Amino acid sequence: MSSNLISIWNATFDVGMSSIVIPDGCRDLIVKTVGNEKPDWFVSPLFDQSKLVQIEDNSTYSGFRLSPGAELREGEILSYIKRKKLHADEVKEIIDDFIIIENSVKEALGCLACELGSVKQVSVQLGVSVRTLQRLILNKTKRTPGYWLQLARIRKAAKNLSPAADLIDVAEKYGFSDQSHMNREFQRWFGLTPLQLLNTSSVIRQLNGKGYG
C-alpha cells in the first residue's frame, strides 16, 4: 500500500441506515455503488465536527484513506477514473500519482499530534516561528495548527475512555482545564458526551480505525 494512504476499506449495507461520521483528520477517495447503478466516485471533506450520513439499501462502499495533510488532485483523478472506467482495485495502482504531500507538512502534523501543550511549543520543536508554522499548515491543509492540535487531543482522550476510567483523570492527562472543558470539547467534535460516546459502538469502531493522532 502507498505510504500516502493509511488504509483501504470496504463496507456493505443490505439495509439502509443512518450513521455518524466523526472527524479523523483524513480525506477519503470513495466509490459508492447502490444495487446495479453506476459507481459514484467522490472525495470526502475534512470534517470539523461529526456528521450524520444516510446510507441507502443494498449499497457498497470502498475507500482510500489519505494520510493527514495529503493533498489529492481531486478533479484530475475523478476525471481519469471516469474516462478509464476504473474499478477500485485498479485505482489502488494509480492513486499515488495524484497525491501530493510535503515532508515539512508531515513533520509538523506529526509534532502537533504528539504535543498536548501549545502551537508555540510545536514551533520551537520544529525550529520555526509560530507564524511560519501557521502559514505552512493553513496553506497546505486549509486548517490551522490549532485545529490539528485540538483534534489530536480530543481523539486521544476519546480512545482512552473506558467504563472504569475516571473522567477527571482523563481530562487532566490530555490537557483539558477540567472535566467540564473536556465535556464541551466532546460535544463540539463528536456531538456526544464522553458517557454517550462510550455507548455508541459505531463511533468506538471509527476511533479504533486509522486516523489522525
N, C-alpha and C. Protein backbone atom coordinates (compact mmCIF):
# COMPACT_ATOMS: atom_id res chain seq x y z
N MET A 1 0.84 -1.20 0.00
CA MET A 1 0.00 0.00 0.00
C MET A 1 0.88 1.25 0.00
N SER A 2 0.44 2.27 -0.70
CA SER A 2 1.17 3.52 -0.78
C SER A 2 1.39 4.13 0.60
N SER A 3 2.55 4.76 0.79
CA SER A 3 2.83 5.44 2.06
C SER A 3 1.95 6.67 2.25
N ASN A 4 1.31 7.12 1.17
CA ASN A 4 0.41 8.26 1.25
C ASN A 4 -1.02 7.87 1.65
N LEU A 5 -1.25 6.57 1.81
CA LEU A 5 -2.54 6.06 2.27
C LEU A 5 -2.34 5.42 3.64
N ILE A 6 -3.32 5.57 4.52
CA ILE A 6 -3.21 4.90 5.81
C ILE A 6 -4.15 3.71 5.91
N SER A 7 -5.12 3.61 5.00
CA SER A 7 -5.96 2.41 4.97
C SER A 7 -6.77 2.35 3.68
N ILE A 8 -7.15 1.14 3.32
CA ILE A 8 -8.10 0.89 2.24
C ILE A 8 -9.22 0.08 2.86
N TRP A 9 -10.45 0.55 2.73
CA TRP A 9 -11.54 -0.08 3.46
C TRP A 9 -12.73 -0.38 2.55
N ASN A 10 -13.57 -1.28 3.02
CA ASN A 10 -14.79 -1.67 2.30
C ASN A 10 -15.92 -1.85 3.29
N ALA A 11 -17.13 -1.54 2.87
CA ALA A 11 -18.31 -1.73 3.72
C ALA A 11 -19.52 -2.01 2.83
N THR A 12 -20.33 -2.96 3.25
CA THR A 12 -21.54 -3.33 2.51
C THR A 12 -22.74 -3.23 3.44
N PHE A 13 -23.84 -2.67 2.93
CA PHE A 13 -25.04 -2.47 3.73
C PHE A 13 -26.24 -3.03 2.96
N ASP A 14 -26.86 -4.07 3.49
CA ASP A 14 -28.07 -4.63 2.87
C ASP A 14 -29.28 -3.75 3.14
N VAL A 15 -29.29 -3.14 4.31
CA VAL A 15 -30.42 -2.31 4.73
C VAL A 15 -29.92 -0.89 4.99
N GLY A 16 -30.69 0.10 4.54
CA GLY A 16 -30.32 1.50 4.76
C GLY A 16 -30.30 1.87 6.23
N MET A 17 -29.52 2.87 6.56
CA MET A 17 -29.38 3.28 7.96
C MET A 17 -28.79 4.68 8.02
N SER A 18 -28.80 5.24 9.22
CA SER A 18 -28.10 6.49 9.49
C SER A 18 -26.83 6.16 10.25
N SER A 19 -25.77 6.88 9.96
CA SER A 19 -24.50 6.62 10.64
C SER A 19 -23.80 7.94 10.95
N ILE A 20 -23.18 8.01 12.12
CA ILE A 20 -22.40 9.19 12.49
C ILE A 20 -20.98 9.02 11.97
N VAL A 21 -20.49 10.02 11.26
CA VAL A 21 -19.09 10.03 10.82
C VAL A 21 -18.37 11.09 11.65
N ILE A 22 -17.30 10.68 12.35
CA ILE A 22 -16.60 11.60 13.23
C ILE A 22 -15.34 12.17 12.56
N PRO A 23 -14.86 13.32 13.00
CA PRO A 23 -13.64 13.88 12.42
C PRO A 23 -12.44 12.97 12.70
N ASP A 24 -11.66 12.69 11.65
CA ASP A 24 -10.48 11.84 11.82
C ASP A 24 -9.22 12.46 11.21
N GLY A 25 -9.34 13.68 10.68
CA GLY A 25 -8.18 14.35 10.12
C GLY A 25 -7.77 13.86 8.75
N CYS A 26 -8.60 13.04 8.13
CA CYS A 26 -8.25 12.46 6.83
C CYS A 26 -9.36 12.71 5.82
N ARG A 27 -8.96 12.69 4.56
CA ARG A 27 -9.94 12.69 3.46
C ARG A 27 -9.87 11.33 2.79
N ASP A 28 -11.00 10.90 2.24
CA ASP A 28 -11.08 9.59 1.60
C ASP A 28 -11.55 9.74 0.15
N LEU A 29 -10.92 9.00 -0.73
CA LEU A 29 -11.45 8.83 -2.08
C LEU A 29 -12.37 7.62 -2.00
N ILE A 30 -13.66 7.82 -2.31
CA ILE A 30 -14.68 6.80 -2.06
C ILE A 30 -15.44 6.48 -3.34
N VAL A 31 -15.77 5.21 -3.51
CA VAL A 31 -16.69 4.81 -4.56
C VAL A 31 -17.90 4.14 -3.90
N LYS A 32 -19.08 4.64 -4.26
CA LYS A 32 -20.33 4.10 -3.75
C LYS A 32 -21.09 3.44 -4.88
N THR A 33 -21.57 2.22 -4.64
CA THR A 33 -22.39 1.53 -5.62
C THR A 33 -23.69 1.11 -4.94
N VAL A 34 -24.80 1.49 -5.52
CA VAL A 34 -26.12 1.12 -5.00
C VAL A 34 -26.78 0.17 -5.98
N GLY A 35 -26.98 -1.08 -5.55
CA GLY A 35 -27.58 -2.07 -6.43
C GLY A 35 -26.80 -2.22 -7.73
N ASN A 36 -27.50 -2.10 -8.84
CA ASN A 36 -26.86 -2.22 -10.15
C ASN A 36 -26.57 -0.87 -10.80
N GLU A 37 -26.66 0.19 -10.01
CA GLU A 37 -26.41 1.53 -10.55
C GLU A 37 -24.92 1.72 -10.85
N LYS A 38 -24.62 2.74 -11.63
CA LYS A 38 -23.24 3.06 -11.98
C LYS A 38 -22.49 3.52 -10.74
N PRO A 39 -21.23 3.11 -10.55
CA PRO A 39 -20.44 3.54 -9.39
C PRO A 39 -20.30 5.06 -9.34
N ASP A 40 -20.36 5.59 -8.14
CA ASP A 40 -20.26 7.03 -7.93
C ASP A 40 -18.99 7.32 -7.11
N TRP A 41 -18.01 7.96 -7.76
CA TRP A 41 -16.76 8.30 -7.09
C TRP A 41 -16.82 9.72 -6.55
N PHE A 42 -16.31 9.93 -5.34
CA PHE A 42 -16.24 11.27 -4.75
C PHE A 42 -15.16 11.30 -3.68
N VAL A 43 -14.81 12.52 -3.25
CA VAL A 43 -13.80 12.71 -2.21
C VAL A 43 -14.48 13.33 -0.99
N SER A 44 -14.29 12.72 0.15
CA SER A 44 -14.93 13.24 1.36
C SER A 44 -14.24 14.52 1.82
N PRO A 45 -14.96 15.39 2.52
CA PRO A 45 -14.34 16.60 3.06
C PRO A 45 -13.55 16.29 4.32
N LEU A 46 -12.82 17.28 4.79
CA LEU A 46 -12.16 17.19 6.09
C LEU A 46 -13.16 17.70 7.13
N PHE A 47 -13.66 16.82 7.96
CA PHE A 47 -14.74 17.18 8.87
C PHE A 47 -14.23 17.98 10.06
N ASP A 48 -15.00 19.01 10.44
CA ASP A 48 -14.71 19.81 11.62
C ASP A 48 -15.55 19.36 12.81
N GLN A 49 -16.58 18.59 12.53
CA GLN A 49 -17.45 18.05 13.58
C GLN A 49 -18.14 16.82 13.02
N SER A 50 -18.79 16.06 13.90
CA SER A 50 -19.46 14.85 13.44
C SER A 50 -20.61 15.19 12.50
N LYS A 51 -20.88 14.25 11.60
CA LYS A 51 -21.95 14.45 10.63
C LYS A 51 -22.78 13.18 10.53
N LEU A 52 -24.10 13.35 10.48
CA LEU A 52 -24.99 12.20 10.31
C LEU A 52 -25.19 11.98 8.82
N VAL A 53 -24.85 10.79 8.34
CA VAL A 53 -24.99 10.48 6.91
C VAL A 53 -26.04 9.38 6.74
N GLN A 54 -26.72 9.44 5.59
CA GLN A 54 -27.74 8.43 5.27
C GLN A 54 -27.16 7.41 4.30
N ILE A 55 -27.30 6.15 4.64
CA ILE A 55 -26.79 5.06 3.81
C ILE A 55 -27.98 4.33 3.19
N GLU A 56 -27.91 4.11 1.88
CA GLU A 56 -29.02 3.50 1.17
C GLU A 56 -29.01 1.98 1.25
N ASP A 57 -30.20 1.39 0.98
CA ASP A 57 -30.30 -0.07 0.91
C ASP A 57 -29.37 -0.61 -0.17
N ASN A 58 -28.87 -1.81 0.07
CA ASN A 58 -28.11 -2.56 -0.95
C ASN A 58 -26.97 -1.72 -1.52
N SER A 59 -26.20 -1.11 -0.63
CA SER A 59 -25.10 -0.24 -1.07
C SER A 59 -23.75 -0.79 -0.62
N THR A 60 -22.75 -0.52 -1.44
CA THR A 60 -21.38 -0.94 -1.14
C THR A 60 -20.46 0.27 -1.27
N TYR A 61 -19.55 0.39 -0.34
CA TYR A 61 -18.59 1.49 -0.33
C TYR A 61 -17.17 0.92 -0.28
N SER A 62 -16.28 1.50 -1.05
CA SER A 62 -14.86 1.22 -0.95
C SER A 62 -14.15 2.56 -0.84
N GLY A 63 -13.14 2.62 0.02
CA GLY A 63 -12.48 3.90 0.25
C GLY A 63 -10.97 3.79 0.38
N PHE A 64 -10.32 4.87 -0.02
CA PHE A 64 -8.87 5.01 0.11
C PHE A 64 -8.63 6.19 1.04
N ARG A 65 -8.16 5.91 2.26
CA ARG A 65 -7.97 6.97 3.25
C ARG A 65 -6.58 7.57 3.11
N LEU A 66 -6.54 8.87 2.80
CA LEU A 66 -5.28 9.56 2.62
C LEU A 66 -4.64 9.89 3.96
N SER A 67 -3.33 9.94 3.99
CA SER A 67 -2.62 10.37 5.19
C SER A 67 -3.02 11.80 5.54
N PRO A 68 -3.05 12.14 6.84
CA PRO A 68 -3.34 13.52 7.22
C PRO A 68 -2.39 14.49 6.51
N GLY A 69 -2.94 15.55 5.96
CA GLY A 69 -2.12 16.55 5.27
C GLY A 69 -1.88 16.27 3.80
N ALA A 70 -2.28 15.07 3.34
CA ALA A 70 -2.08 14.74 1.92
C ALA A 70 -3.06 15.54 1.06
N GLU A 71 -2.56 16.07 -0.03
CA GLU A 71 -3.40 16.79 -0.99
C GLU A 71 -3.67 15.87 -2.19
N LEU A 72 -4.93 15.74 -2.55
CA LEU A 72 -5.32 14.92 -3.70
C LEU A 72 -5.71 15.83 -4.85
N ARG A 73 -5.13 15.59 -6.04
CA ARG A 73 -5.55 16.34 -7.22
C ARG A 73 -6.91 15.79 -7.64
N GLU A 74 -7.91 16.29 -6.95
CA GLU A 74 -9.25 15.70 -6.97
C GLU A 74 -9.87 15.69 -8.36
N GLY A 75 -9.91 16.85 -9.01
CA GLY A 75 -10.54 16.91 -10.33
C GLY A 75 -9.87 15.99 -11.33
N GLU A 76 -8.55 15.94 -11.27
CA GLU A 76 -7.81 15.11 -12.22
C GLU A 76 -8.07 13.63 -12.03
N ILE A 77 -8.04 13.17 -10.77
CA ILE A 77 -8.20 11.73 -10.56
C ILE A 77 -9.64 11.29 -10.83
N LEU A 78 -10.62 12.12 -10.48
CA LEU A 78 -12.01 11.75 -10.75
C LEU A 78 -12.27 11.70 -12.25
N SER A 79 -11.69 12.64 -12.98
CA SER A 79 -11.82 12.63 -14.43
C SER A 79 -11.14 11.41 -15.04
N TYR A 80 -9.97 11.06 -14.52
CA TYR A 80 -9.22 9.91 -15.04
C TYR A 80 -9.98 8.60 -14.78
N ILE A 81 -10.53 8.47 -13.57
CA ILE A 81 -11.29 7.26 -13.23
C ILE A 81 -12.50 7.11 -14.15
N LYS A 82 -13.19 8.22 -14.37
CA LYS A 82 -14.39 8.19 -15.22
C LYS A 82 -14.02 7.86 -16.66
N ARG A 83 -12.95 8.48 -17.16
CA ARG A 83 -12.54 8.27 -18.55
C ARG A 83 -12.08 6.84 -18.80
N LYS A 84 -11.34 6.30 -17.83
CA LYS A 84 -10.79 4.95 -17.98
C LYS A 84 -11.73 3.86 -17.45
N LYS A 85 -12.83 4.28 -16.79
CA LYS A 85 -13.80 3.35 -16.21
C LYS A 85 -13.10 2.35 -15.28
N LEU A 86 -12.33 2.91 -14.35
CA LEU A 86 -11.52 2.08 -13.46
C LEU A 86 -12.35 1.50 -12.32
N HIS A 87 -11.96 0.32 -11.89
CA HIS A 87 -12.51 -0.30 -10.69
C HIS A 87 -11.60 0.04 -9.51
N ALA A 88 -12.09 -0.21 -8.29
CA ALA A 88 -11.33 0.14 -7.09
C ALA A 88 -9.95 -0.51 -7.08
N ASP A 89 -9.85 -1.76 -7.48
CA ASP A 89 -8.55 -2.43 -7.50
C ASP A 89 -7.57 -1.75 -8.44
N GLU A 90 -8.08 -1.20 -9.52
CA GLU A 90 -7.22 -0.50 -10.48
C GLU A 90 -6.81 0.87 -9.96
N VAL A 91 -7.70 1.52 -9.24
CA VAL A 91 -7.40 2.83 -8.67
C VAL A 91 -6.26 2.72 -7.65
N LYS A 92 -6.22 1.60 -6.93
CA LYS A 92 -5.16 1.39 -5.95
C LYS A 92 -3.78 1.50 -6.58
N GLU A 93 -3.68 1.13 -7.84
CA GLU A 93 -2.39 1.14 -8.53
C GLU A 93 -1.96 2.52 -9.02
N ILE A 94 -2.92 3.45 -9.16
CA ILE A 94 -2.59 4.74 -9.76
C ILE A 94 -2.79 5.94 -8.83
N ILE A 95 -3.39 5.72 -7.68
CA ILE A 95 -3.77 6.86 -6.82
C ILE A 95 -2.56 7.67 -6.37
N ASP A 96 -1.41 7.00 -6.18
CA ASP A 96 -0.21 7.70 -5.73
C ASP A 96 0.21 8.82 -6.69
N ASP A 97 -0.12 8.65 -7.97
CA ASP A 97 0.26 9.65 -8.96
C ASP A 97 -0.49 10.96 -8.79
N PHE A 98 -1.56 10.94 -8.01
CA PHE A 98 -2.42 12.11 -7.87
C PHE A 98 -2.35 12.70 -6.45
N ILE A 99 -1.44 12.19 -5.62
CA ILE A 99 -1.32 12.65 -4.23
C ILE A 99 -0.05 13.47 -4.07
N ILE A 100 -0.17 14.59 -3.36
CA ILE A 100 0.98 15.44 -3.04
C ILE A 100 1.01 15.63 -1.52
N ILE A 101 2.16 15.38 -0.92
CA ILE A 101 2.34 15.72 0.50
C ILE A 101 3.80 16.08 0.73
N GLU A 102 4.01 17.21 1.38
CA GLU A 102 5.36 17.69 1.63
C GLU A 102 5.88 17.14 2.95
N ASN A 103 7.17 16.84 2.99
CA ASN A 103 7.77 16.31 4.22
C ASN A 103 7.64 17.28 5.38
N SER A 104 7.72 18.59 5.09
CA SER A 104 7.59 19.59 6.15
C SER A 104 6.20 19.54 6.79
N VAL A 105 5.18 19.26 5.97
CA VAL A 105 3.81 19.15 6.48
C VAL A 105 3.66 17.88 7.32
N LYS A 106 4.21 16.77 6.83
CA LYS A 106 4.19 15.51 7.58
C LYS A 106 4.83 15.70 8.95
N GLU A 107 5.99 16.32 8.96
CA GLU A 107 6.72 16.51 10.22
C GLU A 107 5.94 17.40 11.18
N ALA A 108 5.39 18.49 10.66
CA ALA A 108 4.65 19.41 11.51
C ALA A 108 3.40 18.76 12.09
N LEU A 109 2.67 18.03 11.26
CA LEU A 109 1.46 17.36 11.75
C LEU A 109 1.82 16.26 12.75
N GLY A 110 2.95 15.61 12.54
CA GLY A 110 3.39 14.60 13.50
C GLY A 110 3.69 15.21 14.85
N CYS A 111 4.33 16.37 14.86
CA CYS A 111 4.61 17.06 16.12
C CYS A 111 3.33 17.55 16.79
N LEU A 112 2.42 18.09 16.00
CA LEU A 112 1.15 18.57 16.56
C LEU A 112 0.34 17.42 17.16
N ALA A 113 0.45 16.23 16.57
CA ALA A 113 -0.29 15.07 17.08
C ALA A 113 0.27 14.59 18.41
N CYS A 114 1.55 14.86 18.66
CA CYS A 114 2.20 14.38 19.89
C CYS A 114 2.18 15.40 21.01
N GLU A 115 1.93 16.65 20.69
CA GLU A 115 2.05 17.74 21.66
C GLU A 115 0.69 18.05 22.30
N LEU A 116 0.65 18.04 23.64
CA LEU A 116 -0.58 18.39 24.34
C LEU A 116 -0.53 19.83 24.86
N GLY A 117 0.52 20.55 24.53
CA GLY A 117 0.68 21.90 25.04
C GLY A 117 0.12 22.96 24.14
N SER A 118 0.99 23.53 23.30
CA SER A 118 0.56 24.68 22.51
C SER A 118 1.23 24.67 21.15
N VAL A 119 0.69 25.48 20.25
CA VAL A 119 1.27 25.63 18.92
C VAL A 119 2.67 26.24 19.05
N LYS A 120 2.86 27.13 20.01
CA LYS A 120 4.17 27.73 20.20
C LYS A 120 5.22 26.67 20.55
N GLN A 121 4.86 25.73 21.41
CA GLN A 121 5.80 24.66 21.78
C GLN A 121 6.17 23.82 20.56
N VAL A 122 5.21 23.57 19.69
CA VAL A 122 5.48 22.81 18.48
C VAL A 122 6.42 23.58 17.56
N SER A 123 6.19 24.88 17.43
CA SER A 123 7.05 25.68 16.57
C SER A 123 8.49 25.67 17.08
N VAL A 124 8.67 25.66 18.41
CA VAL A 124 10.01 25.58 18.98
C VAL A 124 10.65 24.24 18.64
N GLN A 125 9.88 23.15 18.76
CA GLN A 125 10.40 21.83 18.41
C GLN A 125 10.87 21.78 16.96
N LEU A 126 10.12 22.43 16.09
CA LEU A 126 10.43 22.40 14.66
C LEU A 126 11.49 23.42 14.26
N GLY A 127 11.78 24.35 15.16
CA GLY A 127 12.78 25.37 14.85
C GLY A 127 12.30 26.43 13.88
N VAL A 128 10.99 26.72 13.92
CA VAL A 128 10.42 27.76 13.06
C VAL A 128 9.58 28.69 13.92
N SER A 129 9.22 29.83 13.36
CA SER A 129 8.36 30.75 14.09
C SER A 129 6.92 30.25 14.07
N VAL A 130 6.14 30.76 15.00
CA VAL A 130 4.72 30.40 15.05
C VAL A 130 4.04 30.80 13.74
N ARG A 131 4.39 31.98 13.24
CA ARG A 131 3.77 32.47 12.01
C ARG A 131 4.11 31.57 10.82
N THR A 132 5.37 31.12 10.76
CA THR A 132 5.77 30.22 9.67
C THR A 132 4.99 28.91 9.74
N LEU A 133 4.86 28.37 10.94
CA LEU A 133 4.11 27.13 11.12
C LEU A 133 2.65 27.33 10.73
N GLN A 134 2.05 28.41 11.17
CA GLN A 134 0.65 28.68 10.85
C GLN A 134 0.45 28.81 9.34
N ARG A 135 1.36 29.52 8.69
CA ARG A 135 1.24 29.74 7.25
C ARG A 135 1.37 28.41 6.50
N LEU A 136 2.33 27.58 6.89
CA LEU A 136 2.54 26.29 6.23
C LEU A 136 1.30 25.40 6.35
N ILE A 137 0.82 25.23 7.58
CA ILE A 137 -0.28 24.30 7.82
C ILE A 137 -1.58 24.80 7.21
N LEU A 138 -1.85 26.08 7.34
CA LEU A 138 -3.08 26.63 6.77
C LEU A 138 -3.06 26.55 5.25
N ASN A 139 -1.92 26.82 4.65
CA ASN A 139 -1.81 26.79 3.19
C ASN A 139 -2.00 25.38 2.64
N LYS A 140 -1.45 24.39 3.33
CA LYS A 140 -1.45 23.03 2.81
C LYS A 140 -2.65 22.19 3.25
N THR A 141 -3.28 22.54 4.36
CA THR A 141 -4.40 21.71 4.85
C THR A 141 -5.72 22.46 4.94
N LYS A 142 -5.69 23.78 4.78
CA LYS A 142 -6.89 24.63 4.93
C LYS A 142 -7.43 24.61 6.36
N ARG A 143 -6.59 24.22 7.28
CA ARG A 143 -6.93 24.24 8.71
C ARG A 143 -5.74 24.81 9.47
N THR A 144 -5.99 25.38 10.64
CA THR A 144 -4.92 25.98 11.43
C THR A 144 -4.18 24.92 12.24
N PRO A 145 -2.96 25.23 12.72
CA PRO A 145 -2.29 24.30 13.62
C PRO A 145 -3.13 23.99 14.86
N GLY A 146 -3.88 25.01 15.34
CA GLY A 146 -4.74 24.79 16.50
C GLY A 146 -5.79 23.72 16.25
N TYR A 147 -6.32 23.69 15.04
CA TYR A 147 -7.29 22.65 14.67
C TYR A 147 -6.68 21.27 14.86
N TRP A 148 -5.47 21.08 14.32
CA TRP A 148 -4.82 19.77 14.37
C TRP A 148 -4.44 19.40 15.80
N LEU A 149 -3.98 20.38 16.57
CA LEU A 149 -3.62 20.13 17.97
C LEU A 149 -4.84 19.68 18.76
N GLN A 150 -5.95 20.38 18.58
CA GLN A 150 -7.17 20.05 19.32
C GLN A 150 -7.80 18.74 18.86
N LEU A 151 -7.71 18.47 17.55
CA LEU A 151 -8.26 17.22 17.04
C LEU A 151 -7.49 16.02 17.60
N ALA A 152 -6.16 16.10 17.61
CA ALA A 152 -5.37 15.01 18.16
C ALA A 152 -5.69 14.80 19.63
N ARG A 153 -5.83 15.89 20.36
CA ARG A 153 -6.10 15.79 21.81
C ARG A 153 -7.46 15.13 22.07
N ILE A 154 -8.49 15.55 21.35
CA ILE A 154 -9.82 15.00 21.63
C ILE A 154 -9.91 13.54 21.19
N ARG A 155 -9.24 13.18 20.10
CA ARG A 155 -9.27 11.79 19.67
C ARG A 155 -8.50 10.89 20.64
N LYS A 156 -7.38 11.38 21.16
CA LYS A 156 -6.63 10.59 22.14
C LYS A 156 -7.45 10.39 23.41
N ALA A 157 -8.08 11.46 23.87
CA ALA A 157 -8.91 11.36 25.07
C ALA A 157 -10.05 10.36 24.85
N ALA A 158 -10.69 10.44 23.68
CA ALA A 158 -11.82 9.55 23.40
C ALA A 158 -11.37 8.09 23.33
N LYS A 159 -10.21 7.85 22.73
CA LYS A 159 -9.70 6.47 22.62
C LYS A 159 -9.37 5.87 23.98
N ASN A 160 -9.07 6.72 24.94
CA ASN A 160 -8.66 6.23 26.25
C ASN A 160 -9.78 6.24 27.28
N LEU A 161 -11.00 6.47 26.82
CA LEU A 161 -12.15 6.33 27.71
C LEU A 161 -12.44 4.85 27.95
N SER A 162 -12.94 4.55 29.10
CA SER A 162 -13.42 3.21 29.40
C SER A 162 -14.44 3.34 30.52
N PRO A 163 -15.31 2.32 30.69
CA PRO A 163 -16.30 2.41 31.77
C PRO A 163 -15.67 2.62 33.14
N ALA A 164 -14.42 2.15 33.29
CA ALA A 164 -13.76 2.25 34.60
C ALA A 164 -12.94 3.53 34.74
N ALA A 165 -12.79 4.28 33.65
CA ALA A 165 -11.92 5.45 33.68
C ALA A 165 -12.54 6.58 34.49
N ASP A 166 -11.71 7.30 35.21
CA ASP A 166 -12.12 8.49 35.94
C ASP A 166 -12.03 9.66 34.96
N LEU A 167 -13.15 10.29 34.65
CA LEU A 167 -13.16 11.36 33.65
C LEU A 167 -12.29 12.55 34.05
N ILE A 168 -12.18 12.80 35.33
CA ILE A 168 -11.32 13.89 35.80
C ILE A 168 -9.87 13.58 35.45
N ASP A 169 -9.47 12.31 35.65
CA ASP A 169 -8.09 11.91 35.32
C ASP A 169 -7.83 12.00 33.82
N VAL A 170 -8.81 11.58 33.01
CA VAL A 170 -8.67 11.64 31.55
C VAL A 170 -8.51 13.10 31.11
N ALA A 171 -9.33 13.97 31.68
CA ALA A 171 -9.26 15.40 31.34
C ALA A 171 -7.89 15.97 31.67
N GLU A 172 -7.37 15.63 32.84
CA GLU A 172 -6.06 16.15 33.25
C GLU A 172 -4.94 15.59 32.37
N LYS A 173 -5.02 14.30 32.06
CA LYS A 173 -3.97 13.65 31.26
C LYS A 173 -3.84 14.26 29.88
N TYR A 174 -4.97 14.67 29.28
CA TYR A 174 -4.94 15.16 27.91
C TYR A 174 -5.06 16.68 27.79
N GLY A 175 -4.76 17.36 28.87
CA GLY A 175 -4.55 18.80 28.78
C GLY A 175 -5.80 19.67 28.82
N PHE A 176 -6.93 19.11 29.27
CA PHE A 176 -8.13 19.94 29.43
C PHE A 176 -8.08 20.62 30.79
N SER A 177 -8.66 21.81 30.88
CA SER A 177 -8.58 22.54 32.15
C SER A 177 -9.35 21.85 33.26
N ASP A 178 -10.43 21.18 32.91
CA ASP A 178 -11.20 20.39 33.89
C ASP A 178 -12.16 19.47 33.13
N GLN A 179 -12.95 18.70 33.86
CA GLN A 179 -13.86 17.75 33.21
C GLN A 179 -14.93 18.47 32.39
N SER A 180 -15.40 19.62 32.85
CA SER A 180 -16.41 20.36 32.10
C SER A 180 -15.87 20.82 30.75
N HIS A 181 -14.60 21.26 30.75
CA HIS A 181 -13.97 21.67 29.50
C HIS A 181 -13.90 20.48 28.54
N MET A 182 -13.51 19.31 29.05
CA MET A 182 -13.45 18.12 28.19
C MET A 182 -14.84 17.76 27.66
N ASN A 183 -15.84 17.84 28.50
CA ASN A 183 -17.20 17.52 28.06
C ASN A 183 -17.65 18.44 26.92
N ARG A 184 -17.33 19.73 27.04
CA ARG A 184 -17.71 20.69 26.00
C ARG A 184 -17.00 20.36 24.69
N GLU A 185 -15.73 19.97 24.77
CA GLU A 185 -14.98 19.63 23.56
C GLU A 185 -15.51 18.34 22.91
N PHE A 186 -15.93 17.38 23.72
CA PHE A 186 -16.54 16.17 23.17
C PHE A 186 -17.82 16.53 22.42
N GLN A 187 -18.61 17.41 23.00
CA GLN A 187 -19.84 17.84 22.34
C GLN A 187 -19.53 18.58 21.05
N ARG A 188 -18.50 19.39 21.07
CA ARG A 188 -18.13 20.18 19.88
C ARG A 188 -17.68 19.27 18.74
N TRP A 189 -16.81 18.32 19.02
CA TRP A 189 -16.22 17.49 17.96
C TRP A 189 -17.09 16.30 17.59
N PHE A 190 -17.70 15.68 18.60
CA PHE A 190 -18.42 14.42 18.36
C PHE A 190 -19.94 14.54 18.48
N GLY A 191 -20.42 15.64 19.05
CA GLY A 191 -21.86 15.75 19.28
C GLY A 191 -22.35 14.82 20.37
N LEU A 192 -21.42 14.33 21.20
CA LEU A 192 -21.73 13.37 22.25
C LEU A 192 -20.96 13.71 23.52
N THR A 193 -21.51 13.40 24.67
CA THR A 193 -20.74 13.49 25.90
C THR A 193 -19.82 12.27 25.98
N PRO A 194 -18.81 12.29 26.84
CA PRO A 194 -17.96 11.10 26.99
C PRO A 194 -18.75 9.84 27.30
N LEU A 195 -19.75 9.93 28.15
CA LEU A 195 -20.53 8.74 28.50
C LEU A 195 -21.38 8.28 27.32
N GLN A 196 -21.94 9.20 26.57
CA GLN A 196 -22.71 8.83 25.38
C GLN A 196 -21.80 8.17 24.34
N LEU A 197 -20.59 8.69 24.19
CA LEU A 197 -19.65 8.11 23.24
C LEU A 197 -19.33 6.66 23.60
N LEU A 198 -19.15 6.40 24.88
CA LEU A 198 -18.84 5.03 25.33
C LEU A 198 -19.93 4.05 24.95
N ASN A 199 -21.15 4.55 24.78
CA ASN A 199 -22.29 3.69 24.46
C ASN A 199 -22.68 3.75 22.99
N THR A 200 -21.81 4.32 22.15
CA THR A 200 -22.08 4.41 20.72
C THR A 200 -21.04 3.58 19.98
N SER A 201 -21.39 2.34 19.68
CA SER A 201 -20.41 1.38 19.15
C SER A 201 -19.84 1.82 17.80
N SER A 202 -20.65 2.47 16.95
CA SER A 202 -20.15 2.88 15.64
C SER A 202 -19.04 3.92 15.76
N VAL A 203 -19.14 4.79 16.75
CA VAL A 203 -18.11 5.80 16.98
C VAL A 203 -16.85 5.15 17.55
N ILE A 204 -17.02 4.21 18.46
CA ILE A 204 -15.88 3.49 19.02
C ILE A 204 -15.10 2.78 17.91
N ARG A 205 -15.82 2.17 16.97
CA ARG A 205 -15.14 1.48 15.86
C ARG A 205 -14.33 2.46 15.01
N GLN A 206 -14.89 3.64 14.78
CA GLN A 206 -14.16 4.63 13.99
C GLN A 206 -12.90 5.11 14.73
N LEU A 207 -13.01 5.31 16.02
CA LEU A 207 -11.87 5.74 16.81
C LEU A 207 -10.75 4.70 16.80
N ASN A 208 -11.13 3.44 16.72
CA ASN A 208 -10.14 2.37 16.70
C ASN A 208 -9.56 2.13 15.31
N GLY A 209 -10.12 2.81 14.31
CA GLY A 209 -9.59 2.72 12.96
C GLY A 209 -8.46 3.71 12.75
N LYS A 210 -7.98 3.79 11.53
CA LYS A 210 -6.87 4.67 11.22
C LYS A 210 -7.33 6.11 11.11
N GLY A 211 -6.56 7.01 11.72
CA GLY A 211 -6.88 8.42 11.65
C GLY A 211 -5.80 9.25 12.30
N TYR A 212 -6.01 10.54 12.41
CA TYR A 212 -5.00 11.44 12.96
C TYR A 212 -4.91 11.29 14.47
N GLY A 213 -3.68 11.38 14.97
CA GLY A 213 -3.46 11.35 16.42
C GLY A 213 -3.46 9.95 16.99
